[in-house]
N, C-alpha and C. Protein backbone atom coordinates (compact mmCIF):
# COMPACT_ATOMS: atom_id res chain seq x y z
N MET A 1 40.67 -23.63 -1.68
CA MET A 1 39.68 -22.83 -2.37
C MET A 1 38.82 -22.06 -1.38
N VAL A 2 38.41 -22.72 -0.30
CA VAL A 2 37.57 -22.07 0.70
C VAL A 2 38.35 -20.95 1.40
N ARG A 3 39.64 -21.19 1.65
CA ARG A 3 40.48 -20.16 2.26
C ARG A 3 40.59 -18.94 1.36
N LEU A 4 40.75 -19.17 0.09
CA LEU A 4 40.86 -18.06 -0.86
C LEU A 4 39.59 -17.23 -0.87
N LEU A 5 38.45 -17.89 -0.84
CA LEU A 5 37.18 -17.18 -0.80
C LEU A 5 37.06 -16.37 0.49
N GLY A 6 37.46 -16.94 1.59
CA GLY A 6 37.44 -16.22 2.87
C GLY A 6 38.35 -15.00 2.86
N ILE A 7 39.52 -15.15 2.27
CA ILE A 7 40.45 -14.02 2.17
C ILE A 7 39.88 -12.94 1.27
N LEU A 8 39.27 -13.33 0.17
CA LEU A 8 38.67 -12.34 -0.74
C LEU A 8 37.52 -11.58 -0.07
N VAL A 9 36.71 -12.28 0.69
CA VAL A 9 35.61 -11.62 1.42
C VAL A 9 36.18 -10.65 2.45
N LEU A 10 37.23 -11.06 3.15
CA LEU A 10 37.86 -10.19 4.14
C LEU A 10 38.43 -8.94 3.48
N VAL A 11 39.12 -9.10 2.37
CA VAL A 11 39.69 -7.95 1.65
C VAL A 11 38.57 -7.03 1.16
N LEU A 12 37.51 -7.60 0.62
CA LEU A 12 36.38 -6.79 0.16
C LEU A 12 35.78 -6.00 1.32
N ASP A 13 35.60 -6.64 2.46
CA ASP A 13 35.04 -5.96 3.62
C ASP A 13 35.94 -4.82 4.09
N VAL A 14 37.24 -5.05 4.11
CA VAL A 14 38.17 -4.00 4.54
C VAL A 14 38.13 -2.82 3.58
N VAL A 15 38.10 -3.10 2.29
CA VAL A 15 38.03 -2.02 1.29
C VAL A 15 36.75 -1.22 1.45
N VAL A 16 35.64 -1.90 1.66
CA VAL A 16 34.36 -1.21 1.81
C VAL A 16 34.33 -0.39 3.11
N VAL A 17 34.86 -0.95 4.19
CA VAL A 17 34.89 -0.20 5.46
C VAL A 17 35.75 1.05 5.32
N LEU A 18 36.87 0.95 4.63
CA LEU A 18 37.71 2.13 4.39
C LEU A 18 36.98 3.15 3.54
N ASP A 19 36.24 2.69 2.55
CA ASP A 19 35.46 3.60 1.70
C ASP A 19 34.37 4.29 2.52
N ILE A 20 33.74 3.55 3.40
CA ILE A 20 32.72 4.13 4.27
C ILE A 20 33.36 5.17 5.20
N TYR A 21 34.48 4.82 5.78
CA TYR A 21 35.17 5.71 6.71
C TYR A 21 35.57 7.03 6.04
N ARG A 22 36.02 6.95 4.81
CA ARG A 22 36.45 8.15 4.08
C ARG A 22 35.30 8.90 3.44
N GLY A 23 34.13 8.31 3.44
CA GLY A 23 32.97 8.90 2.77
C GLY A 23 32.47 10.17 3.44
N ASN A 24 31.63 10.86 2.71
CA ASN A 24 31.08 12.13 3.17
C ASN A 24 29.65 11.91 3.65
N MET A 25 29.52 11.32 4.84
CA MET A 25 28.20 11.12 5.43
C MET A 25 28.30 11.24 6.95
N ASP A 26 27.15 11.30 7.60
CA ASP A 26 27.11 11.44 9.05
C ASP A 26 27.78 10.26 9.74
N THR A 27 28.25 10.50 10.95
CA THR A 27 28.90 9.44 11.73
C THR A 27 27.94 8.30 12.02
N GLU A 28 26.69 8.62 12.29
CA GLU A 28 25.70 7.57 12.57
C GLU A 28 25.52 6.66 11.36
N ARG A 29 25.46 7.26 10.19
CA ARG A 29 25.32 6.45 8.97
C ARG A 29 26.55 5.59 8.73
N LYS A 30 27.73 6.15 8.98
CA LYS A 30 28.96 5.37 8.82
C LYS A 30 28.95 4.14 9.72
N VAL A 31 28.58 4.36 10.98
CA VAL A 31 28.54 3.25 11.94
C VAL A 31 27.52 2.21 11.50
N LEU A 32 26.37 2.66 11.05
CA LEU A 32 25.33 1.74 10.59
C LEU A 32 25.83 0.91 9.40
N TRP A 33 26.45 1.55 8.42
CA TRP A 33 26.94 0.81 7.26
C TRP A 33 28.07 -0.15 7.63
N ILE A 34 28.93 0.26 8.54
CA ILE A 34 30.01 -0.65 8.96
C ILE A 34 29.43 -1.87 9.66
N LEU A 35 28.40 -1.67 10.48
CA LEU A 35 27.74 -2.82 11.13
C LEU A 35 27.07 -3.73 10.11
N ILE A 36 26.45 -3.14 9.10
CA ILE A 36 25.81 -3.95 8.05
C ILE A 36 26.86 -4.78 7.33
N VAL A 37 27.99 -4.16 6.99
CA VAL A 37 29.06 -4.90 6.30
C VAL A 37 29.62 -5.99 7.21
N PHE A 38 29.73 -5.70 8.50
CA PHE A 38 30.28 -6.67 9.45
C PHE A 38 29.36 -7.88 9.61
N PHE A 39 28.05 -7.64 9.73
CA PHE A 39 27.12 -8.74 9.97
C PHE A 39 26.65 -9.44 8.70
N LEU A 40 26.78 -8.80 7.56
CA LEU A 40 26.42 -9.40 6.27
C LEU A 40 27.62 -9.29 5.33
N PRO A 41 28.62 -10.15 5.51
CA PRO A 41 29.89 -9.99 4.81
C PRO A 41 29.80 -9.93 3.28
N LEU A 42 28.95 -10.68 2.66
CA LEU A 42 28.85 -10.64 1.20
C LEU A 42 27.77 -9.68 0.72
N LEU A 43 26.67 -9.67 1.42
CA LEU A 43 25.55 -8.82 1.02
C LEU A 43 25.77 -7.36 1.42
N GLY A 44 26.44 -7.12 2.53
CA GLY A 44 26.67 -5.76 3.02
C GLY A 44 27.38 -4.85 2.03
N PRO A 45 28.53 -5.27 1.50
CA PRO A 45 29.21 -4.41 0.52
C PRO A 45 28.37 -4.16 -0.73
N LEU A 46 27.66 -5.17 -1.17
CA LEU A 46 26.79 -5.00 -2.34
C LEU A 46 25.70 -3.97 -2.04
N LEU A 47 25.06 -4.10 -0.89
CA LEU A 47 24.04 -3.14 -0.49
C LEU A 47 24.62 -1.73 -0.39
N TYR A 48 25.80 -1.62 0.18
CA TYR A 48 26.42 -0.30 0.33
C TYR A 48 26.63 0.37 -1.03
N TYR A 49 27.21 -0.37 -1.97
CA TYR A 49 27.49 0.24 -3.27
C TYR A 49 26.23 0.50 -4.08
N VAL A 50 25.20 -0.29 -3.88
CA VAL A 50 23.95 -0.06 -4.62
C VAL A 50 23.13 1.06 -3.99
N VAL A 51 23.01 1.05 -2.67
CA VAL A 51 22.12 2.00 -1.99
C VAL A 51 22.83 3.30 -1.64
N ALA A 52 23.93 3.22 -0.90
CA ALA A 52 24.57 4.43 -0.38
C ALA A 52 25.34 5.19 -1.46
N LYS A 53 25.99 4.50 -2.35
CA LYS A 53 26.78 5.17 -3.38
C LYS A 53 25.90 5.82 -4.44
N SER A 54 24.66 5.40 -4.55
CA SER A 54 23.79 5.98 -5.56
C SER A 54 23.26 7.35 -5.13
N ARG A 55 23.43 7.70 -3.85
CA ARG A 55 22.95 8.99 -3.35
C ARG A 55 23.89 10.08 -3.66
């Protein structure tokens, strides 16, 4: 069960990083969001979709 959760978090992070990479924003913002997702694996993607996608 713990492995499955870890795999799901990894897949979510990869999907979000790809979305950030393909997004239409400055390079500095992309790097910042990727670092946030990297250091906050569960909270980072949620923050990205709530804050950055709403713009």
